[in-house]
Amino acid sequence: MVNSVVYKDTDLVLSVESVSKSFDGFKAINDLNFYLGEGELRTIIGPNGAGKSTFMDLITGRTRPDEGTVTFHQDDGHDLDLTKLREYQINRLGISRKFQTPSVYQDHSVYDNIVLSLNHGRGVWQSLLYKESAADKEAIEEVLETVRLQDLCNERAGLLSHGQKQWLEIGMLLAQKPRILLVDEPAAGMSDEETERTGELLLSLEGKHSIMVIEHDMEFIRQIARKVTVLHQGHVLKEGKFLEVANDPTVKEVYLGRQKHD
C-alpha cells in the first residue's frame, strides 16, 4: 500500500515537482514543475525533443523520474506519489492516455468498443458472463452522444474515418470515467472539419475531466486554448493565455519561428 498524506488544496489534481529524467546522458526532462487544476483543459506545446512525450510517460508510469515527485490529488483528499506505482495501477486511479494513433477494436461495432471499455472486470469469465444493465446502457449512450457517434453505433470500427476513430477512442476512455485525460496530438491527420469537431469535443469535456492536450497545430491550439504550457529542453519555458504565449519573443524563437521554417 502506498503512503499518502492529506492534501489541503482541492483545486489541484496533479502536481509535478522538481522532476528530471535522463536517457543515456541526455536530459529529456530537466527540473520540471507543473500543476494541473481540477477540471482544467491545458494545452502543451513545444519543439520536437522538448520532452512532451516523456512528460506523459512519467505521469502514466511508463517510465520513472530520476528525481522529483509526480503527485495525484485524490477525491478523498489524499495524495499519491505516482512514481511509486506501476502503469496499470495509475490507469486504475482514473488517469487515462490517448496516443496519437487511434487504437480501437477494428472488427467490433462502435457500440461494442464502448462496452469493452466499461469499468468492469477484464478477465475471461467476466467478459463471457457480462450482461448489459440499464445503467450500462445509459452510460454507453451518453458516451456515444458526447463523441457524436450515436448514429454509427452499429458500424464496424474498422470502417470509420480517421477522425471518427479518434473520437471513438476518446469515447472508450470516457467510458472508464477518467479523472485525468492525457491526449497526444488528436488533430494529427484530420481534415479541417474533423479538427474543428475534435476541438468542440475536448471543450465539451472541460470541467468534467482534467485534460492535458499535446498538439503542434497552432490553429487547433487557438481553438481550445485556455492556458498553454510551453516546454523547451524538458523545462517549462512559458505558461499563459494563447496570445501571451504566441507573442512571447522567446517562444517565437525556440518554437513558433522554428515551425514557420520547417
C-alpha atoms as a PDB file:
ATOM      1  CA  MET A   1       0.000   0.000   0.000  1.00  0.00           C
ATOM      2  CA  VAL A   2       1.299   3.464  -0.906  1.00  0.00           C
ATOM      3  CA  ASN A   3       1.723   6.001   1.873  1.00  0.00           C
ATOM      4  CA  SER A   4      -0.469   9.064   1.460  1.00  0.00           C
ATOM      5  CA  VAL A   5      -0.993  12.369   3.231  1.00  0.00           C
ATOM      6  CA  VAL A   6      -3.974  14.667   3.417  1.00  0.00           C
ATOM      7  CA  TYR A   7      -3.909  17.306   0.695  1.00  0.00           C
ATOM      8  CA  LYS A   8      -5.313  20.677   1.663  1.00  0.00           C
ATOM      9  CA  ASP A   9      -5.793  22.429  -1.693  1.00  0.00           C
ATOM     10  CA  THR A  10      -8.653  20.729  -3.532  1.00  0.00           C
ATOM     11  CA  ASP A  11      -8.160  22.892  -6.643  1.00  0.00           C
ATOM     12  CA  LEU A  12      -5.277  20.763  -7.944  1.00  0.00           C
ATOM     13  CA  VAL A  13      -5.500  17.254  -9.354  1.00  0.00           C
ATOM     14  CA  LEU A  14      -1.841  16.814 -10.355  1.00  0.00           C
ATOM     15  CA  SER A  15       1.447  18.282  -9.125  1.00  0.00           C
ATOM     16  CA  VAL A  16       4.777  17.618 -10.823  1.00  0.00           C
ATOM     17  CA  GLU A  17       7.668  18.984  -8.777  1.00  0.00           C
ATOM     18  CA  SER A  18      11.436  19.099  -9.419  1.00  0.00           C
ATOM     19  CA  VAL A  19      11.224  16.206 -11.881  1.00  0.00           C
ATOM     20  CA  SER A  20      14.216  15.237 -14.013  1.00  0.00           C
ATOM     21  CA  LYS A  21      14.760  12.299 -16.356  1.00  0.00           C
ATOM     22  CA  SER A  22      17.838  11.392 -18.407  1.00  0.00           C
ATOM     23  CA  PHE A  23      18.357   8.823 -21.138  1.00  0.00           C
ATOM     24  CA  ASP A  24      21.968   7.875 -21.879  1.00  0.00           C
ATOM     25  CA  GLY A  25      23.186  11.222 -20.625  1.00  0.00           C
ATOM     26  CA  PHE A  26      20.509  13.259 -22.424  1.00  0.00           C
ATOM     27  CA  LYS A  27      18.260  15.170 -20.031  1.00  0.00           C
ATOM     28  CA  ALA A  28      14.786  14.760 -21.539  1.00  0.00           C
ATOM     29  CA  ILE A  29      13.124  16.363 -18.503  1.00  0.00           C
ATOM     30  CA  ASN A  30      15.028  18.974 -16.531  1.00  0.00           C
ATOM     31  CA  ASP A  31      13.800  20.179 -13.116  1.00  0.00           C
ATOM     32  CA  LEU A  32      10.208  20.339 -14.345  1.00  0.00           C
ATOM     33  CA  ASN A  33       7.452  21.885 -12.223  1.00  0.00           C
ATOM     34  CA  PHE A  34       3.867  21.668 -13.447  1.00  0.00           C
ATOM     35  CA  TYR A  35       0.420  21.909 -11.842  1.00  0.00           C
ATOM     36  CA  LEU A  36      -2.939  20.852 -13.299  1.00  0.00           C
ATOM     37  CA  GLY A  37      -6.201  22.098 -11.849  1.00  0.00           C
ATOM     38  CA  GLU A  38      -9.352  20.108 -11.219  1.00  0.00           C
ATOM     39  CA  GLY A  39     -11.457  20.149 -14.381  1.00  0.00           C
ATOM     40  CA  GLU A  40      -8.852  22.184 -16.278  1.00  0.00           C
ATOM     41  CA  LEU A  41      -8.207  21.924 -20.018  1.00  0.00           C
ATOM     42  CA  ARG A  42      -4.473  22.526 -20.551  1.00  0.00           C
ATOM     43  CA  THR A  43      -2.639  22.548 -23.851  1.00  0.00           C
ATOM     44  CA  ILE A  44       1.071  21.733 -24.044  1.00  0.00           C
ATOM     45  CA  ILE A  45       3.285  22.756 -26.928  1.00  0.00           C
ATOM     46  CA  GLY A  46       6.994  22.689 -27.667  1.00  0.00           C
ATOM     47  CA  PRO A  47       9.500  21.829 -30.387  1.00  0.00           C
ATOM     48  CA  ASN A  48      10.462  18.235 -31.140  1.00  0.00           C
ATOM     49  CA  GLY A  49      12.680  16.949 -28.337  1.00  0.00           C
ATOM     50  CA  ALA A  50      11.146  19.314 -25.770  1.00  0.00           C
ATOM     51  CA  GLY A  51      10.174  16.370 -23.548  1.00  0.00           C
ATOM     52  CA  LYS A  52       6.409  16.335 -24.135  1.00  0.00           C
ATOM     53  CA  SER A  53       6.023  12.572 -24.644  1.00  0.00           C
ATOM     54  CA  THR A  54       8.452  11.781 -21.834  1.00  0.00           C
ATOM     55  CA  PHE A  55       6.396  14.056 -19.598  1.00  0.00           C
ATOM     56  CA  MET A  56       3.280  11.989 -20.271  1.00  0.00           C
ATOM     57  CA  ASP A  57       5.283   8.765 -19.834  1.00  0.00           C
ATOM     58  CA  LEU A  58       6.265   9.952 -16.352  1.00  0.00           C
ATOM     59  CA  ILE A  59       2.680  10.751 -15.386  1.00  0.00           C
ATOM     60  CA  THR A  60       1.344   7.385 -16.580  1.00  0.00           C
ATOM     61  CA  GLY A  61       4.167   5.278 -15.147  1.00  0.00           C
ATOM     62  CA  ARG A  62       5.675   4.145 -18.446  1.00  0.00           C
ATOM     63  CA  THR A  63       8.955   5.490 -17.138  1.00  0.00           C
ATOM     64  CA  ARG A  64      10.152   6.714 -13.764  1.00  0.00           C
ATOM     65  CA  PRO A  65      11.900  10.001 -12.987  1.00  0.00           C
ATOM     66  CA  ASP A  66      15.463  10.147 -11.733  1.00  0.00           C
ATOM     67  CA  GLU A  67      14.426  12.891  -9.326  1.00  0.00           C
ATOM     68  CA  GLY A  68      11.274  14.622  -8.157  1.00  0.00           C
ATOM     69  CA  THR A  69       7.657  13.697  -7.449  1.00  0.00           C
ATOM     70  CA  VAL A  70       4.502  13.273  -9.514  1.00  0.00           C
ATOM     71  CA  THR A  71       1.581  13.663  -7.132  1.00  0.00           C
ATOM     72  CA  PHE A  72      -2.040  12.741  -7.798  1.00  0.00           C
ATOM     73  CA  HIS A  73      -4.526  14.500  -5.520  1.00  0.00           C
ATOM     74  CA  GLN A  74      -7.422  12.118  -4.971  1.00  0.00           C
ATOM     75  CA  ASP A  75     -11.075  12.966  -4.430  1.00  0.00           C
ATOM     76  CA  ASP A  76     -10.856  11.780  -0.834  1.00  0.00           C
ATOM     77  CA  GLY A  77      -8.269  14.461  -0.005  1.00  0.00           C
ATOM     78  CA  HIS A  78      -5.209  12.224  -0.005  1.00  0.00           C
ATOM     79  CA  ASP A  79      -2.067  12.412  -2.102  1.00  0.00           C
ATOM     80  CA  LEU A  80      -0.462   9.556  -4.025  1.00  0.00           C
ATOM     81  CA  ASP A  81       3.071   9.676  -5.418  1.00  0.00           C
ATOM     82  CA  LEU A  82       2.633   8.174  -8.883  1.00  0.00           C
ATOM     83  CA  THR A  83       6.360   7.435  -9.166  1.00  0.00           C
ATOM     84  CA  LYS A  84       5.810   4.596  -6.672  1.00  0.00           C
ATOM     85  CA  LEU A  85       3.067   2.928  -8.731  1.00  0.00           C
ATOM     86  CA  ARG A  86       3.004   0.666 -11.780  1.00  0.00           C
ATOM     87  CA  GLU A  87       1.394   1.727 -15.044  1.00  0.00           C
ATOM     88  CA  TYR A  88      -1.767  -0.381 -14.580  1.00  0.00           C
ATOM     89  CA  GLN A  89      -2.235   0.958 -11.036  1.00  0.00           C
ATOM     90  CA  ILE A  90      -2.086   4.535 -12.295  1.00  0.00           C
ATOM     91  CA  ASN A  91      -4.619   3.730 -15.012  1.00  0.00           C
ATOM     92  CA  ARG A  92      -6.978   2.266 -12.416  1.00  0.00           C
ATOM     93  CA  LEU A  93      -6.802   5.514 -10.452  1.00  0.00           C
ATOM     94  CA  GLY A  94      -8.507   7.246 -13.379  1.00  0.00           C
ATOM     95  CA  ILE A  95      -5.536   8.571 -15.331  1.00  0.00           C
ATOM     96  CA  SER A  96      -6.052   7.647 -18.986  1.00  0.00           C
ATOM     97  CA  ARG A  97      -3.908   8.344 -22.038  1.00  0.00           C
ATOM     98  CA  LYS A  98      -4.774   8.550 -25.700  1.00  0.00           C
ATOM     99  CA  PHE A  99      -1.857   8.166 -28.100  1.00  0.00           C
ATOM    100  CA  GLN A 100      -1.608   9.883 -31.483  1.00  0.00           C
ATOM    101  CA  THR A 101      -2.549   6.759 -33.480  1.00  0.00           C
ATOM    102  CA  PRO A 102      -6.081   5.602 -32.608  1.00  0.00           C
ATOM    103  CA  SER A 103      -6.351   2.144 -31.087  1.00  0.00           C
ATOM    104  CA  VAL A 104      -9.806   0.599 -31.433  1.00  0.00           C
ATOM    105  CA  TYR A 105     -11.208  -2.904 -31.811  1.00  0.00           C
ATOM    106  CA  GLN A 106     -11.398  -2.858 -35.600  1.00  0.00           C
ATOM    107  CA  ASP A 107     -13.685  -5.887 -36.039  1.00  0.00           C
ATOM    108  CA  HIS A 108     -16.187  -4.856 -33.372  1.00  0.00           C
ATOM    109  CA  SER A 109     -19.005  -2.360 -33.683  1.00  0.00           C
ATOM    110  CA  VAL A 110     -18.690   1.173 -32.335  1.00  0.00           C
ATOM    111  CA  TYR A 111     -21.150   0.233 -29.598  1.00  0.00           C
ATOM    112  CA  ASP A 112     -19.193  -2.867 -28.587  1.00  0.00           C
ATOM    113  CA  ASN A 113     -15.972  -0.863 -28.435  1.00  0.00           C
ATOM    114  CA  ILE A 114     -17.567   1.246 -25.699  1.00  0.00           C
ATOM    115  CA  VAL A 115     -18.945  -1.849 -23.944  1.00  0.00           C
ATOM    116  CA  LEU A 116     -15.471  -3.394 -23.853  1.00  0.00           C
ATOM    117  CA  SER A 117     -14.092  -0.229 -22.252  1.00  0.00           C
ATOM    118  CA  LEU A 118     -16.505  -0.031 -19.316  1.00  0.00           C
ATOM    119  CA  ASN A 119     -15.056  -0.205 -15.826  1.00  0.00           C
ATOM    120  CA  HIS A 120     -15.846  -3.870 -15.262  1.00  0.00           C
ATOM    121  CA  GLY A 121     -13.627  -6.866 -14.708  1.00  0.00           C
ATOM    122  CA  ARG A 122     -11.367  -7.576 -17.688  1.00  0.00           C
ATOM    123  CA  GLY A 123     -10.999 -11.320 -17.099  1.00  0.00           C
ATOM    124  CA  VAL A 124     -12.272 -14.049 -19.425  1.00  0.00           C
ATOM    125  CA  TRP A 125     -15.148 -15.106 -17.160  1.00  0.00           C
ATOM    126  CA  GLN A 126     -16.277 -11.542 -16.555  1.00  0.00           C
ATOM    127  CA  SER A 127     -16.398 -10.975 -20.311  1.00  0.00           C
ATOM    128  CA  LEU A 128     -18.270 -14.211 -21.022  1.00  0.00           C
ATOM    129  CA  LEU A 129     -20.827 -13.672 -18.262  1.00  0.00           C
ATOM    130  CA  TYR A 130     -21.323  -9.950 -18.834  1.00  0.00           C
ATOM    131  CA  LYS A 131     -24.921  -8.807 -19.234  1.00  0.00           C
ATOM    132  CA  GLU A 132     -25.668  -5.217 -20.061  1.00  0.00           C
ATOM    133  CA  SER A 133     -27.525  -3.426 -17.287  1.00  0.00           C
ATOM    134  CA  ALA A 134     -29.820  -0.455 -17.725  1.00  0.00           C
ATOM    135  CA  ALA A 135     -27.163   1.744 -16.098  1.00  0.00           C
ATOM    136  CA  ASP A 136     -24.521   0.468 -18.525  1.00  0.00           C
ATOM    137  CA  LYS A 137     -26.769   1.110 -21.499  1.00  0.00           C
ATOM    138  CA  GLU A 138     -27.421   4.648 -20.335  1.00  0.00           C
ATOM    139  CA  ALA A 139     -23.683   5.254 -19.787  1.00  0.00           C
ATOM    140  CA  ILE A 140     -22.821   3.885 -23.244  1.00  0.00           C
ATOM    141  CA  GLU A 141     -25.451   6.009 -24.963  1.00  0.00           C
ATOM    142  CA  GLU A 142     -24.217   9.083 -23.101  1.00  0.00           C
ATOM    143  CA  VAL A 143     -20.648   8.454 -24.291  1.00  0.00           C
ATOM    144  CA  LEU A 144     -21.780   7.881 -27.887  1.00  0.00           C
ATOM    145  CA  GLU A 145     -23.741  11.123 -27.801  1.00  0.00           C
ATOM    146  CA  THR A 146     -20.770  13.009 -26.343  1.00  0.00           C
ATOM    147  CA  VAL A 147     -18.456  11.865 -29.163  1.00  0.00           C
ATOM    148  CA  ARG A 148     -21.299  12.202 -31.711  1.00  0.00           C
ATOM    149  CA  LEU A 149     -21.157   8.615 -32.920  1.00  0.00           C
ATOM    150  CA  GLN A 150     -24.634   7.517 -31.844  1.00  0.00           C
ATOM    151  CA  ASP A 151     -25.754   7.252 -35.492  1.00  0.00           C
ATOM    152  CA  LEU A 152     -22.809   4.928 -36.218  1.00  0.00           C
ATOM    153  CA  CYS A 153     -23.198   2.713 -33.160  1.00  0.00           C
ATOM    154  CA  ASN A 154     -23.668  -0.443 -35.270  1.00  0.00           C
ATOM    155  CA  GLU A 155     -20.868   0.403 -37.720  1.00  0.00           C
ATOM    156  CA  ARG A 156     -17.743  -1.747 -37.646  1.00  0.00           C
ATOM    157  CA  ALA A 157     -14.985   0.375 -36.099  1.00  0.00           C
ATOM    158  CA  GLY A 158     -12.512  -0.546 -38.826  1.00  0.00           C
ATOM    159  CA  LEU A 159     -14.723   1.206 -41.397  1.00  0.00           C
ATOM    160  CA  LEU A 160     -14.677   4.563 -39.616  1.00  0.00           C
ATOM    161  CA  SER A 161     -12.711   7.533 -40.920  1.00  0.00           C
ATOM    162  CA  HIS A 162      -9.507   8.532 -39.130  1.00  0.00           C
ATOM    163  CA  GLY A 163     -11.284  11.310 -37.268  1.00  0.00           C
ATOM    164  CA  GLN A 164     -14.156   9.059 -36.223  1.00  0.00           C
ATOM    165  CA  LYS A 165     -11.686   6.503 -34.870  1.00  0.00           C
ATOM    166  CA  GLN A 166     -10.063   9.251 -32.816  1.00  0.00           C
ATOM    167  CA  TRP A 167     -13.439  10.229 -31.374  1.00  0.00           C
ATOM    168  CA  LEU A 168     -14.285   6.590 -30.678  1.00  0.00           C
ATOM    169  CA  GLU A 169     -11.081   6.085 -28.752  1.00  0.00           C
ATOM    170  CA  ILE A 170     -11.767   9.212 -26.709  1.00  0.00           C
ATOM    171  CA  GLY A 171     -15.205   7.711 -26.032  1.00  0.00           C
ATOM    172  CA  MET A 172     -13.600   4.447 -24.939  1.00  0.00           C
ATOM    173  CA  LEU A 173     -11.521   6.374 -22.415  1.00  0.00           C
ATOM    174  CA  LEU A 174     -14.550   8.357 -21.232  1.00  0.00           C
ATOM    175  CA  ALA A 175     -16.338   5.051 -20.566  1.00  0.00           C
ATOM    176  CA  GLN A 176     -13.676   4.408 -17.918  1.00  0.00           C
ATOM    177  CA  LYS A 177     -14.677   7.649 -16.167  1.00  0.00           C
ATOM    178  CA  PRO A 178     -11.172   9.115 -16.022  1.00  0.00           C
ATOM    179  CA  ARG A 179     -10.305  11.947 -13.683  1.00  0.00           C
ATOM    180  CA  ILE A 180      -7.308  12.950 -15.837  1.00  0.00           C
ATOM    181  CA  LEU A 181      -7.310  12.524 -19.610  1.00  0.00           C
ATOM    182  CA  LEU A 182      -3.998  12.818 -21.481  1.00  0.00           C
ATOM    183  CA  VAL A 183      -4.420  13.348 -25.233  1.00  0.00           C
ATOM    184  CA  ASP A 184      -1.470  13.222 -27.640  1.00  0.00           C
ATOM    185  CA  GLU A 185      -1.814  15.168 -30.919  1.00  0.00           C
ATOM    186  CA  PRO A 186      -5.524  14.469 -31.501  1.00  0.00           C
ATOM    187  CA  ALA A 187      -5.706  16.663 -34.622  1.00  0.00           C
ATOM    188  CA  ALA A 188      -2.885  14.903 -36.495  1.00  0.00           C
ATOM    189  CA  GLY A 189      -4.039  13.632 -39.897  1.00  0.00           C
ATOM    190  CA  MET A 190      -7.508  15.162 -39.630  1.00  0.00           C
ATOM    191  CA  SER A 191      -9.388  17.291 -42.115  1.00  0.00           C
ATOM    192  CA  ASP A 192     -10.188  20.882 -41.133  1.00  0.00           C
ATOM    193  CA  GLU A 193     -13.774  19.891 -40.348  1.00  0.00           C
ATOM    194  CA  GLU A 194     -12.673  16.934 -38.208  1.00  0.00           C
ATOM    195  CA  THR A 195     -10.135  19.123 -36.405  1.00  0.00           C
ATOM    196  CA  GLU A 196     -12.773  21.701 -35.520  1.00  0.00           C
ATOM    197  CA  ARG A 197     -15.134  18.998 -34.293  1.00  0.00           C
ATOM    198  CA  THR A 198     -12.376  17.455 -32.169  1.00  0.00           C
ATOM    199  CA  GLY A 199     -11.799  20.831 -30.567  1.00  0.00           C
ATOM    200  CA  GLU A 200     -15.501  21.121 -29.797  1.00  0.00           C
ATOM    201  CA  LEU A 201     -15.428  17.667 -28.210  1.00  0.00           C
ATOM    202  CA  LEU A 202     -12.498  18.497 -25.929  1.00  0.00           C
ATOM    203  CA  LEU A 203     -14.073  21.803 -24.940  1.00  0.00           C
ATOM    204  CA  SER A 204     -17.288  19.963 -24.023  1.00  0.00           C
ATOM    205  CA  LEU A 205     -15.294  17.813 -21.581  1.00  0.00           C
ATOM    206  CA  GLU A 206     -13.801  20.789 -19.754  1.00  0.00           C
ATOM    207  CA  GLY A 207     -14.890  20.862 -16.128  1.00  0.00           C
ATOM    208  CA  LYS A 208     -15.941  17.200 -16.214  1.00  0.00           C
ATOM    209  CA  HIS A 209     -12.378  15.885 -16.516  1.00  0.00           C
ATOM    210  CA  SER A 210      -8.908  17.365 -16.140  1.00  0.00           C
ATOM    211  CA  ILE A 211      -7.406  17.287 -19.631  1.00  0.00           C
ATOM    212  CA  MET A 212      -3.875  17.709 -20.973  1.00  0.00           C
ATOM    213  CA  VAL A 213      -3.540  18.029 -24.759  1.00  0.00           C
ATOM    214  CA  ILE A 214      -0.218  17.860 -26.609  1.00  0.00           C
ATOM    215  CA  GLU A 215      -0.511  19.380 -30.056  1.00  0.00           C
ATOM    216  CA  HIS A 216       1.533  21.038 -32.832  1.00  0.00           C
ATOM    217  CA  ASP A 217      -1.345  22.519 -34.836  1.00  0.00           C
ATOM    218  CA  MET A 218      -1.437  26.122 -33.641  1.00  0.00           C
ATOM    219  CA  GLU A 219      -4.864  26.837 -35.135  1.00  0.00           C
ATOM    220  CA  PHE A 220      -6.215  23.903 -33.166  1.00  0.00           C
ATOM    221  CA  ILE A 221      -4.451  25.179 -30.042  1.00  0.00           C
ATOM    222  CA  ARG A 222      -6.026  28.587 -30.639  1.00  0.00           C
ATOM    223  CA  GLN A 223      -9.466  26.930 -30.769  1.00  0.00           C
ATOM    224  CA  ILE A 224      -9.214  25.064 -27.465  1.00  0.00           C
ATOM    225  CA  ALA A 225      -6.594  27.028 -25.512  1.00  0.00           C
ATOM    226  CA  ARG A 226      -7.350  28.174 -22.014  1.00  0.00           C
ATOM    227  CA  LYS A 227      -3.871  28.022 -20.529  1.00  0.00           C
ATOM    228  CA  VAL A 228      -0.888  26.995 -22.646  1.00  0.00           C
ATOM    229  CA  THR A 229       2.325  25.476 -21.300  1.00  0.00           C
ATOM    230  CA  VAL A 230       5.425  25.657 -23.491  1.00  0.00           C
ATOM    231  CA  LEU A 231       8.091  23.011 -22.894  1.00  0.00           C
ATOM    232  CA  HIS A 232      11.667  23.539 -24.045  1.00  0.00           C
ATOM    233  CA  GLN A 233      14.583  21.240 -23.234  1.00  0.00           C
ATOM    234  CA  GLY A 234      12.472  19.418 -20.667  1.00  0.00           C
ATOM    235  CA  HIS A 235      11.580  22.543 -18.734  1.00  0.00           C
ATOM    236  CA  VAL A 236       8.621  24.945 -18.635  1.00  0.00           C
ATOM    237  CA  LEU A 237       9.624  27.897 -20.790  1.00  0.00           C
ATOM    238  CA  LYS A 238       6.357  29.841 -20.605  1.00  0.00           C
ATOM    239  CA  GLU A 239       2.783  29.489 -19.351  1.00  0.00           C
ATOM    240  CA  GLY A 240      -0.181  31.720 -20.030  1.00  0.00           C
ATOM    241  CA  LYS A 241      -3.066  32.516 -22.326  1.00  0.00           C
ATOM    242  CA  PHE A 242      -2.678  31.720 -26.018  1.00  0.00           C
ATOM    243  CA  LEU A 243      -1.887  35.263 -27.174  1.00  0.00           C
ATOM    244  CA  GLU A 244       0.569  35.819 -24.319  1.00  0.00           C
ATOM    245  CA  VAL A 245       2.432  32.670 -25.308  1.00  0.00           C
ATOM    246  CA  ALA A 246       2.178  33.174 -29.069  1.00  0.00           C
ATOM    247  CA  ASN A 247       3.532  36.737 -28.832  1.00  0.00           C
ATOM    248  CA  ASP A 248       6.373  35.937 -26.440  1.00  0.00           C
ATOM    249  CA  PRO A 249       9.735  36.620 -28.194  1.00  0.00           C
ATOM    250  CA  THR A 250      11.474  33.624 -26.635  1.00  0.00           C
ATOM    251  CA  VAL A 251       8.660  31.276 -27.567  1.00  0.00           C
ATOM    252  CA  LYS A 252       8.733  32.598 -31.116  1.00  0.00           C
ATOM    253  CA  GLU A 253      12.450  31.962 -31.284  1.00  0.00           C
ATOM    254  CA  VAL A 254      12.517  28.405 -29.925  1.00  0.00           C
ATOM    255  CA  TYR A 255       9.223  27.100 -31.243  1.00  0.00           C
ATOM    256  CA  LEU A 256       6.875  29.188 -33.331  1.00  0.00           C
ATOM    257  CA  GLY A 257       9.618  30.652 -35.514  1.00  0.00           C
ATOM    258  CA  ARG A 258      11.097  27.204 -35.992  1.00  0.00           C
ATOM    259  CA  GLN A 259       7.680  25.905 -37.060  1.00  0.00           C
ATOM    260  CA  LYS A 260       7.475  28.503 -39.833  1.00  0.00           C
ATOM    261  CA  HIS A 261      10.826  27.391 -41.195  1.00  0.00           C
ATOM    262  CA  ASP A 262      10.075  23.652 -41.023  1.00  0.00           C
END
